[in-house]
Amino acid sequence: CDSLAGLVHELVRAGDLAQAIERGRTRQACWQRGGLAVEHHLLDATRLRGAFVAAGLLDVSVSGLLVAFTTLGRAEWSRAEADHRDDLLALERELSRIGGLADSGKQLLAIGTAPQS
């Protein structure tokens, strides 16, 4: 799912402060493309983990995806990806293993196991 912190950081970096504050305050966003619009909730790792646990899943883990993307920004990340793809992927793998950085990712990935019946 989309990361609340990741989107707010991206909007601040782009200079869209009003939208960054609104997204942070409401925890909601709207994805638009080709005349379609989808409103959705923005989550952080704690809420996402809580939802998985509340659903009864076990061994829940949450990782950030594209943490370096959020840190570097779209243009710099694209340059790094084009020039140093393997290094950038290695950096992403390392950053995704640092629990406290999950919320800095552009998206969050949650994994859980259904209990045996």
N, C-alpha and C. Protein backbone atom coordinates (compact mmCIF):
# COMPACT_ATOMS: atom_id res chain seq x y z
N CYS A 1 0.85 -1.18 0.00
CA CYS A 1 0.00 0.00 0.00
C CYS A 1 0.89 1.24 0.00
N ASP A 2 0.32 2.37 -0.33
CA ASP A 2 1.07 3.62 -0.33
C ASP A 2 1.42 4.03 1.10
N SER A 3 2.62 4.52 1.27
CA SER A 3 3.10 4.96 2.57
C SER A 3 2.72 6.41 2.83
N LEU A 4 2.12 6.67 3.98
CA LEU A 4 1.77 8.04 4.36
C LEU A 4 3.01 8.92 4.37
N ALA A 5 4.04 8.49 5.08
CA ALA A 5 5.26 9.30 5.19
C ALA A 5 5.93 9.47 3.83
N GLY A 6 5.99 8.40 3.05
CA GLY A 6 6.63 8.48 1.74
C GLY A 6 5.97 9.52 0.84
N LEU A 7 4.63 9.53 0.81
CA LEU A 7 3.93 10.50 -0.04
C LEU A 7 4.10 11.92 0.48
N VAL A 8 4.01 12.10 1.79
CA VAL A 8 4.17 13.45 2.35
C VAL A 8 5.57 13.98 2.04
N HIS A 9 6.60 13.15 2.20
CA HIS A 9 7.96 13.59 1.87
C HIS A 9 8.08 13.95 0.39
N GLU A 10 7.50 13.16 -0.47
CA GLU A 10 7.56 13.42 -1.90
C GLU A 10 6.87 14.75 -2.24
N LEU A 11 5.72 15.00 -1.64
CA LEU A 11 5.00 16.25 -1.91
C LEU A 11 5.76 17.46 -1.38
N VAL A 12 6.36 17.34 -0.20
CA VAL A 12 7.16 18.45 0.34
C VAL A 12 8.33 18.74 -0.58
N ARG A 13 9.04 17.69 -1.02
CA ARG A 13 10.19 17.86 -1.92
C ARG A 13 9.76 18.54 -3.23
N ALA A 14 8.54 18.24 -3.69
CA ALA A 14 8.04 18.83 -4.93
C ALA A 14 7.51 20.25 -4.71
N GLY A 15 7.48 20.71 -3.47
CA GLY A 15 7.00 22.05 -3.19
C GLY A 15 5.50 22.16 -3.03
N ASP A 16 4.79 21.06 -3.00
CA ASP A 16 3.34 21.07 -2.84
C ASP A 16 3.00 20.92 -1.36
N LEU A 17 3.30 21.98 -0.60
CA LEU A 17 3.17 21.94 0.85
C LEU A 17 1.72 21.80 1.31
N ALA A 18 0.81 22.48 0.64
CA ALA A 18 -0.60 22.40 1.03
C ALA A 18 -1.12 20.97 0.91
N GLN A 19 -0.79 20.30 -0.20
CA GLN A 19 -1.25 18.93 -0.38
C GLN A 19 -0.54 17.99 0.60
N ALA A 20 0.75 18.24 0.87
CA ALA A 20 1.49 17.41 1.82
C ALA A 20 0.82 17.47 3.19
N ILE A 21 0.46 18.66 3.63
CA ILE A 21 -0.20 18.82 4.92
C ILE A 21 -1.57 18.16 4.91
N GLU A 22 -2.31 18.34 3.84
CA GLU A 22 -3.65 17.73 3.74
C GLU A 22 -3.57 16.21 3.76
N ARG A 23 -2.64 15.63 3.00
CA ARG A 23 -2.49 14.17 2.99
C ARG A 23 -2.09 13.67 4.36
N GLY A 24 -1.17 14.37 5.03
CA GLY A 24 -0.75 13.97 6.37
C GLY A 24 -1.89 14.08 7.37
N ARG A 25 -2.68 15.11 7.26
CA ARG A 25 -3.78 15.33 8.19
C ARG A 25 -4.91 14.33 8.00
N THR A 26 -5.31 14.10 6.74
CA THR A 26 -6.46 13.23 6.46
C THR A 26 -6.08 11.76 6.32
N ARG A 27 -4.79 11.50 6.04
CA ARG A 27 -4.31 10.13 5.80
C ARG A 27 -5.03 9.51 4.60
N GLN A 28 -5.45 10.35 3.66
CA GLN A 28 -6.11 9.87 2.45
C GLN A 28 -5.47 10.54 1.24
N ALA A 29 -5.55 9.86 0.10
CA ALA A 29 -5.00 10.39 -1.14
C ALA A 29 -5.94 10.03 -2.28
N CYS A 30 -5.69 10.60 -3.43
CA CYS A 30 -6.48 10.30 -4.62
C CYS A 30 -5.51 10.07 -5.77
N TRP A 31 -5.51 8.86 -6.31
CA TRP A 31 -4.69 8.51 -7.46
C TRP A 31 -5.51 8.79 -8.70
N GLN A 32 -4.96 9.56 -9.66
CA GLN A 32 -5.70 9.93 -10.86
C GLN A 32 -4.87 9.58 -12.09
N ARG A 33 -5.58 9.03 -13.08
CA ARG A 33 -4.91 8.72 -14.34
C ARG A 33 -5.96 8.49 -15.41
N GLY A 34 -5.78 9.14 -16.55
CA GLY A 34 -6.66 8.93 -17.69
C GLY A 34 -8.14 9.14 -17.39
N GLY A 35 -8.47 10.12 -16.59
CA GLY A 35 -9.86 10.41 -16.28
C GLY A 35 -10.43 9.56 -15.16
N LEU A 36 -9.64 8.65 -14.62
CA LEU A 36 -10.09 7.83 -13.49
C LEU A 36 -9.49 8.39 -12.20
N ALA A 37 -10.24 8.27 -11.13
CA ALA A 37 -9.75 8.71 -9.83
C ALA A 37 -10.12 7.67 -8.78
N VAL A 38 -9.15 7.30 -7.97
CA VAL A 38 -9.37 6.32 -6.92
C VAL A 38 -8.89 6.93 -5.60
N GLU A 39 -9.82 7.10 -4.68
CA GLU A 39 -9.45 7.58 -3.35
C GLU A 39 -9.02 6.39 -2.51
N HIS A 40 -7.99 6.58 -1.71
CA HIS A 40 -7.50 5.49 -0.88
C HIS A 40 -6.86 6.02 0.40
N HIS A 41 -6.74 5.14 1.38
CA HIS A 41 -6.14 5.48 2.66
C HIS A 41 -4.63 5.34 2.58
N LEU A 42 -3.94 6.22 3.27
CA LEU A 42 -2.49 6.15 3.39
C LEU A 42 -2.18 5.55 4.76
N LEU A 43 -1.30 4.58 4.79
CA LEU A 43 -1.01 3.87 6.03
C LEU A 43 0.44 4.07 6.45
N ASP A 44 0.70 3.79 7.71
CA ASP A 44 2.06 3.68 8.19
C ASP A 44 2.26 2.23 8.63
N ALA A 45 3.49 1.87 8.92
CA ALA A 45 3.81 0.47 9.24
C ALA A 45 3.04 -0.01 10.47
N THR A 46 2.87 0.84 11.46
CA THR A 46 2.17 0.44 12.68
C THR A 46 0.71 0.10 12.39
N ARG A 47 0.03 0.96 11.65
CA ARG A 47 -1.38 0.68 11.32
C ARG A 47 -1.54 -0.54 10.43
N LEU A 48 -0.65 -0.67 9.46
CA LEU A 48 -0.74 -1.82 8.56
C LEU A 48 -0.49 -3.12 9.32
N ARG A 49 0.52 -3.13 10.16
CA ARG A 49 0.80 -4.31 10.98
C ARG A 49 -0.40 -4.61 11.87
N GLY A 50 -0.97 -3.58 12.48
CA GLY A 50 -2.13 -3.76 13.35
C GLY A 50 -3.33 -4.36 12.63
N ALA A 51 -3.54 -3.93 11.39
CA ALA A 51 -4.67 -4.47 10.60
C ALA A 51 -4.46 -5.95 10.31
N PHE A 52 -3.22 -6.34 10.00
CA PHE A 52 -2.94 -7.75 9.72
C PHE A 52 -3.12 -8.60 10.98
N VAL A 53 -2.63 -8.10 12.12
CA VAL A 53 -2.77 -8.82 13.38
C VAL A 53 -4.25 -8.91 13.77
N ALA A 54 -4.99 -7.81 13.61
CA ALA A 54 -6.42 -7.82 13.94
C ALA A 54 -7.19 -8.80 13.06
N ALA A 55 -6.70 -9.06 11.85
CA ALA A 55 -7.34 -10.02 10.96
C ALA A 55 -6.97 -11.46 11.32
N GLY A 56 -6.14 -11.62 12.34
CA GLY A 56 -5.78 -12.95 12.79
C GLY A 56 -4.55 -13.55 12.15
N LEU A 57 -3.82 -12.77 11.37
CA LEU A 57 -2.61 -13.30 10.74
C LEU A 57 -1.47 -13.38 11.75
N LEU A 58 -0.59 -14.33 11.53
CA LEU A 58 0.56 -14.56 12.40
C LEU A 58 1.85 -14.20 11.68
N ASP A 59 2.91 -14.05 12.44
CA ASP A 59 4.24 -13.77 11.87
C ASP A 59 4.19 -12.60 10.89
N VAL A 60 3.56 -11.51 11.31
CA VAL A 60 3.38 -10.34 10.44
C VAL A 60 4.67 -9.54 10.38
N SER A 61 5.07 -9.19 9.17
CA SER A 61 6.21 -8.30 8.97
C SER A 61 5.82 -7.21 7.98
N VAL A 62 6.37 -6.03 8.18
CA VAL A 62 6.11 -4.90 7.28
C VAL A 62 7.45 -4.32 6.85
N SER A 63 7.63 -4.16 5.55
CA SER A 63 8.86 -3.59 5.00
C SER A 63 8.52 -2.38 4.14
N GLY A 64 9.47 -1.47 4.05
CA GLY A 64 9.32 -0.35 3.13
C GLY A 64 9.84 -0.73 1.76
N LEU A 65 9.16 -0.27 0.73
CA LEU A 65 9.60 -0.49 -0.65
C LEU A 65 10.01 0.85 -1.24
N LEU A 66 11.09 0.86 -1.97
CA LEU A 66 11.61 2.07 -2.61
C LEU A 66 11.95 3.16 -1.59
N VAL A 67 12.66 2.75 -0.53
CA VAL A 67 13.08 3.71 0.49
C VAL A 67 14.05 4.72 -0.12
N ALA A 68 14.97 4.27 -0.95
CA ALA A 68 15.93 5.18 -1.58
C ALA A 68 15.23 6.14 -2.55
N PHE A 69 14.14 5.68 -3.17
CA PHE A 69 13.36 6.54 -4.06
C PHE A 69 12.86 7.75 -3.27
N THR A 70 12.30 7.49 -2.10
CA THR A 70 11.79 8.58 -1.27
C THR A 70 12.92 9.50 -0.84
N THR A 71 14.05 8.93 -0.49
CA THR A 71 15.18 9.71 -0.02
C THR A 71 15.80 10.54 -1.14
N LEU A 72 16.01 9.93 -2.29
CA LEU A 72 16.69 10.60 -3.40
C LEU A 72 15.77 11.49 -4.23
N GLY A 73 14.51 11.16 -4.30
CA GLY A 73 13.60 11.86 -5.19
C GLY A 73 13.57 11.19 -6.55
N ARG A 74 12.51 11.44 -7.30
CA ARG A 74 12.28 10.75 -8.57
C ARG A 74 13.42 10.95 -9.56
N ALA A 75 13.87 12.19 -9.76
CA ALA A 75 14.89 12.46 -10.79
C ALA A 75 16.23 11.81 -10.44
N GLU A 76 16.68 11.99 -9.20
CA GLU A 76 17.96 11.42 -8.79
C GLU A 76 17.89 9.90 -8.77
N TRP A 77 16.77 9.33 -8.30
CA TRP A 77 16.62 7.88 -8.28
C TRP A 77 16.68 7.33 -9.71
N SER A 78 16.02 8.01 -10.64
CA SER A 78 16.02 7.55 -12.04
C SER A 78 17.43 7.57 -12.62
N ARG A 79 18.20 8.61 -12.32
CA ARG A 79 19.60 8.67 -12.78
C ARG A 79 20.41 7.54 -12.17
N ALA A 80 20.25 7.33 -10.87
CA ALA A 80 20.99 6.25 -10.20
C ALA A 80 20.58 4.89 -10.75
N GLU A 81 19.31 4.72 -11.03
CA GLU A 81 18.82 3.44 -11.56
C GLU A 81 19.40 3.18 -12.94
N ALA A 82 19.51 4.22 -13.75
CA ALA A 82 20.05 4.07 -15.10
C ALA A 82 21.56 3.81 -15.08
N ASP A 83 22.27 4.48 -14.18
CA ASP A 83 23.74 4.41 -14.17
C ASP A 83 24.30 3.33 -13.25
N HIS A 84 23.58 3.01 -12.18
CA HIS A 84 24.12 2.10 -11.15
C HIS A 84 23.01 1.18 -10.62
N ARG A 85 22.34 0.52 -11.52
CA ARG A 85 21.17 -0.29 -11.15
C ARG A 85 21.47 -1.31 -10.07
N ASP A 86 22.53 -2.08 -10.22
CA ASP A 86 22.85 -3.13 -9.25
C ASP A 86 23.15 -2.54 -7.87
N ASP A 87 23.89 -1.42 -7.85
CA ASP A 87 24.19 -0.77 -6.57
C ASP A 87 22.92 -0.24 -5.91
N LEU A 88 22.03 0.33 -6.72
CA LEU A 88 20.78 0.87 -6.19
C LEU A 88 19.90 -0.25 -5.64
N LEU A 89 19.83 -1.36 -6.34
CA LEU A 89 19.04 -2.50 -5.85
C LEU A 89 19.64 -3.07 -4.55
N ALA A 90 20.95 -3.11 -4.46
CA ALA A 90 21.60 -3.57 -3.22
C ALA A 90 21.28 -2.62 -2.07
N LEU A 91 21.31 -1.32 -2.35
CA LEU A 91 20.95 -0.34 -1.33
C LEU A 91 19.50 -0.54 -0.89
N GLU A 92 18.59 -0.73 -1.83
CA GLU A 92 17.18 -0.95 -1.49
C GLU A 92 17.02 -2.18 -0.60
N ARG A 93 17.71 -3.27 -0.94
CA ARG A 93 17.63 -4.49 -0.12
C ARG A 93 18.08 -4.22 1.31
N GLU A 94 19.17 -3.50 1.46
CA GLU A 94 19.68 -3.20 2.80
C GLU A 94 18.73 -2.28 3.56
N LEU A 95 18.26 -1.22 2.92
CA LEU A 95 17.36 -0.28 3.59
C LEU A 95 16.05 -0.95 3.98
N SER A 96 15.54 -1.85 3.15
CA SER A 96 14.26 -2.50 3.44
C SER A 96 14.34 -3.40 4.67
N ARG A 97 15.55 -3.78 5.08
CA ARG A 97 15.73 -4.64 6.25
C ARG A 97 15.79 -3.86 7.56
N ILE A 98 15.84 -2.54 7.46
CA ILE A 98 15.92 -1.69 8.66
C ILE A 98 14.49 -1.32 9.04
N GLY A 99 14.00 -1.93 10.12
CA GLY A 99 12.60 -1.78 10.52
C GLY A 99 12.11 -0.35 10.63
N GLY A 100 12.89 0.52 11.22
CA GLY A 100 12.46 1.90 11.42
C GLY A 100 12.34 2.70 10.14
N LEU A 101 12.86 2.19 9.04
CA LEU A 101 12.80 2.92 7.77
C LEU A 101 11.61 2.53 6.90
N ALA A 102 10.82 1.57 7.32
CA ALA A 102 9.70 1.12 6.49
C ALA A 102 8.81 2.28 6.07
N ASP A 103 8.48 3.17 7.00
CA ASP A 103 7.58 4.27 6.67
C ASP A 103 8.18 5.25 5.67
N SER A 104 9.49 5.24 5.49
CA SER A 104 10.12 6.13 4.53
C SER A 104 9.98 5.62 3.10
N GLY A 105 9.58 4.40 2.93
CA GLY A 105 9.42 3.86 1.59
C GLY A 105 8.23 4.46 0.86
N LYS A 106 8.26 4.38 -0.44
CA LYS A 106 7.13 4.88 -1.24
C LYS A 106 5.90 4.02 -1.00
N GLN A 107 6.12 2.73 -0.83
CA GLN A 107 5.03 1.81 -0.49
C GLN A 107 5.45 0.96 0.69
N LEU A 108 4.47 0.30 1.28
CA LEU A 108 4.70 -0.65 2.37
C LEU A 108 4.24 -2.02 1.91
N LEU A 109 4.99 -3.03 2.29
CA LEU A 109 4.64 -4.40 1.97
C LEU A 109 4.45 -5.14 3.28
N ALA A 110 3.27 -5.69 3.50
CA ALA A 110 3.00 -6.47 4.70
C ALA A 110 2.80 -7.93 4.30
N ILE A 111 3.34 -8.81 5.13
CA ILE A 111 3.22 -10.24 4.90
C ILE A 111 2.81 -10.88 6.22
N GLY A 112 1.87 -11.81 6.16
CA GLY A 112 1.45 -12.55 7.33
C GLY A 112 1.06 -13.96 6.95
N THR A 113 0.97 -14.80 7.93
CA THR A 113 0.61 -16.20 7.73
C THR A 113 -0.75 -16.47 8.35
N ALA A 114 -1.61 -17.16 7.61
CA ALA A 114 -2.91 -17.54 8.16
C ALA A 114 -2.69 -18.67 9.17
N PRO A 115 -3.40 -18.62 10.30
CA PRO A 115 -3.24 -19.67 11.29
C PRO A 115 -3.75 -21.01 10.76
N GLN A 116 -3.15 -22.09 11.26
CA GLN A 116 -3.61 -23.44 10.88
C GLN A 116 -4.97 -23.68 11.51
N SER A 117 -5.87 -24.29 10.76
CA SER A 117 -7.20 -24.56 11.33
C SER A 117 -7.31 -25.95 11.89
